[in-house]
């Protein structure tokens, strides 16, 4: 299972970099989304794919009983999802405004409007 997830993370990173190197600004944002999803899957895979119980300590015990899941990776991924959504929303609004001004989504045509 780890090999499958590692392969998926590699494919997502490669496709994200490919999309970010394209000239279209819409494809740049799609690459940004793929990159954030690949980073989330990388954190999830690195934390371990084994199943465990919630990290709760029963009353009267000092440590959790049995195998427990790591809550740190889940908290990091949840935070990364929220931040990624905020960046995506900002990028979409920025692209919309740039398209209204320039009239194209090509990066070379946007560069020509600087002078």
Protein backbone atom coordinates (compact mmCIF):
# COMPACT_ATOMS: atom_id res chain seq x y z
CA UNK A 1 0.00 0.00 0.00
CA UNK A 2 2.89 2.34 0.78
CA UNK A 3 4.36 1.78 -2.70
CA UNK A 4 1.03 2.67 -4.31
CA UNK A 5 0.71 5.86 -2.27
CA UNK A 6 4.34 6.81 -2.94
CA UNK A 7 3.79 6.30 -6.66
CA UNK A 8 0.62 8.39 -6.54
CA UNK A 9 2.44 11.20 -4.69
CA UNK A 10 5.23 11.13 -7.28
CA UNK A 11 2.77 11.25 -10.17
CA UNK A 12 0.88 14.13 -8.56
CA UNK A 13 4.09 16.11 -7.96
CA UNK A 14 5.25 15.50 -11.54
CA UNK A 15 1.92 16.50 -13.05
CA UNK A 16 1.73 19.56 -10.79
CA UNK A 17 5.16 20.74 -11.91
CA UNK A 18 4.22 20.12 -15.54
CA UNK A 19 1.02 22.14 -15.18
CA UNK A 20 2.81 24.97 -13.37
CA UNK A 21 5.33 25.29 -16.22
CA UNK A 22 2.59 25.86 -18.82
CA UNK A 23 1.91 29.34 -20.21
CA UNK A 24 -1.76 29.46 -19.22
CA UNK A 25 -2.45 31.00 -15.84
CA UNK A 26 -5.45 28.70 -15.32
CA UNK A 27 -3.16 25.68 -15.71
CA UNK A 28 -0.82 27.30 -13.20
CA UNK A 29 -3.60 27.32 -10.60
CA UNK A 30 -4.53 23.72 -11.42
CA UNK A 31 -0.89 22.80 -10.86
CA UNK A 32 -0.94 24.66 -7.55
CA UNK A 33 -3.96 22.64 -6.42
CA UNK A 34 -2.31 19.38 -7.48
CA UNK A 35 0.85 20.37 -5.63
CA UNK A 36 -1.02 21.02 -2.40
CA UNK A 37 -2.89 17.71 -2.69
CA UNK A 38 0.38 15.88 -3.33
CA UNK A 39 1.93 17.49 -0.24
CA UNK A 40 -1.08 16.43 1.85
CA UNK A 41 -0.80 12.84 0.62
CA UNK A 42 2.94 12.89 1.32
CA UNK A 43 2.35 13.90 4.94
CA UNK A 44 -0.39 11.29 5.27
CA UNK A 45 1.81 8.55 3.82
CA UNK A 46 4.86 9.53 5.88
CA UNK A 47 2.85 9.33 9.11
CA UNK A 48 2.05 5.68 8.47
CA UNK A 49 -0.88 3.95 6.88
CA UNK A 50 -1.54 1.52 9.72
CA UNK A 51 -4.90 1.59 11.41
CA UNK A 52 -5.16 2.46 15.06
CA UNK A 53 -7.63 3.65 17.60
CA UNK A 54 -8.15 7.30 18.55
CA UNK A 55 -5.40 8.60 20.87
CA UNK A 56 -7.60 8.73 23.97
CA UNK A 57 -6.39 7.77 27.43
CA UNK A 58 -8.93 5.83 29.48
CA UNK A 59 -9.71 7.08 33.00
CA UNK A 60 -7.13 5.93 35.53
CA UNK A 61 -4.43 5.11 32.94
CA UNK A 62 -1.22 7.00 32.21
CA UNK A 63 -0.80 5.99 28.57
CA UNK A 64 -3.19 4.97 25.79
CA UNK A 65 -4.03 1.29 25.60
CA UNK A 66 -3.03 -0.48 22.36
CA UNK A 67 -2.01 1.01 19.02
CA UNK A 68 -3.13 4.59 18.46
CA UNK A 69 -3.21 6.84 15.42
CA UNK A 70 -0.91 9.85 15.18
CA UNK A 71 -3.13 12.96 15.46
CA UNK A 72 -0.35 15.37 14.47
CA UNK A 73 -0.38 14.35 10.81
CA UNK A 74 -4.16 14.67 10.68
CA UNK A 75 -4.01 18.15 12.20
CA UNK A 76 -1.28 19.23 9.77
CA UNK A 77 -3.25 17.98 6.77
CA UNK A 78 -6.45 19.66 7.95
CA UNK A 79 -4.59 22.95 8.38
CA UNK A 80 -2.97 22.56 4.96
CA UNK A 81 -6.36 21.94 3.34
CA UNK A 82 -7.78 25.14 4.83
CA UNK A 83 -4.75 27.21 3.84
CA UNK A 84 -4.75 25.66 0.35
CA UNK A 85 -8.40 26.56 -0.11
CA UNK A 86 -7.68 30.16 0.88
CA UNK A 87 -4.78 30.38 -1.57
CA UNK A 88 -6.93 28.85 -4.31
CA UNK A 89 -9.75 31.34 -3.70
CA UNK A 90 -7.29 34.25 -3.82
CA UNK A 91 -5.70 32.92 -7.02
CA UNK A 92 -9.07 32.48 -8.74
CA UNK A 93 -10.08 36.07 -7.91
CA UNK A 94 -6.68 37.31 -9.08
CA UNK A 95 -6.98 35.39 -12.36
CA UNK A 96 -10.48 36.73 -12.91
CA UNK A 97 -9.29 40.31 -12.42
CA UNK A 98 -6.24 39.80 -14.63
CA UNK A 99 -8.42 38.31 -17.36
CA UNK A 100 -10.74 41.33 -17.19
CA UNK A 101 -7.81 43.73 -17.58
CA UNK A 102 -5.73 41.88 -20.17
CA UNK A 103 -8.39 39.82 -21.96
CA UNK A 104 -6.26 36.66 -22.14
CA UNK A 105 -4.92 33.99 -19.83
CA UNK A 106 -1.58 33.60 -21.63
CA UNK A 107 1.39 34.59 -19.48
CA UNK A 108 3.27 36.07 -22.46
CA UNK A 109 0.37 38.36 -23.33
CA UNK A 110 0.14 39.49 -19.70
CA UNK A 111 3.85 40.25 -19.74
CA UNK A 112 3.38 42.54 -22.78
CA UNK A 113 1.03 44.81 -20.82
CA UNK A 114 3.74 45.80 -18.32
CA UNK A 115 5.25 48.58 -20.44
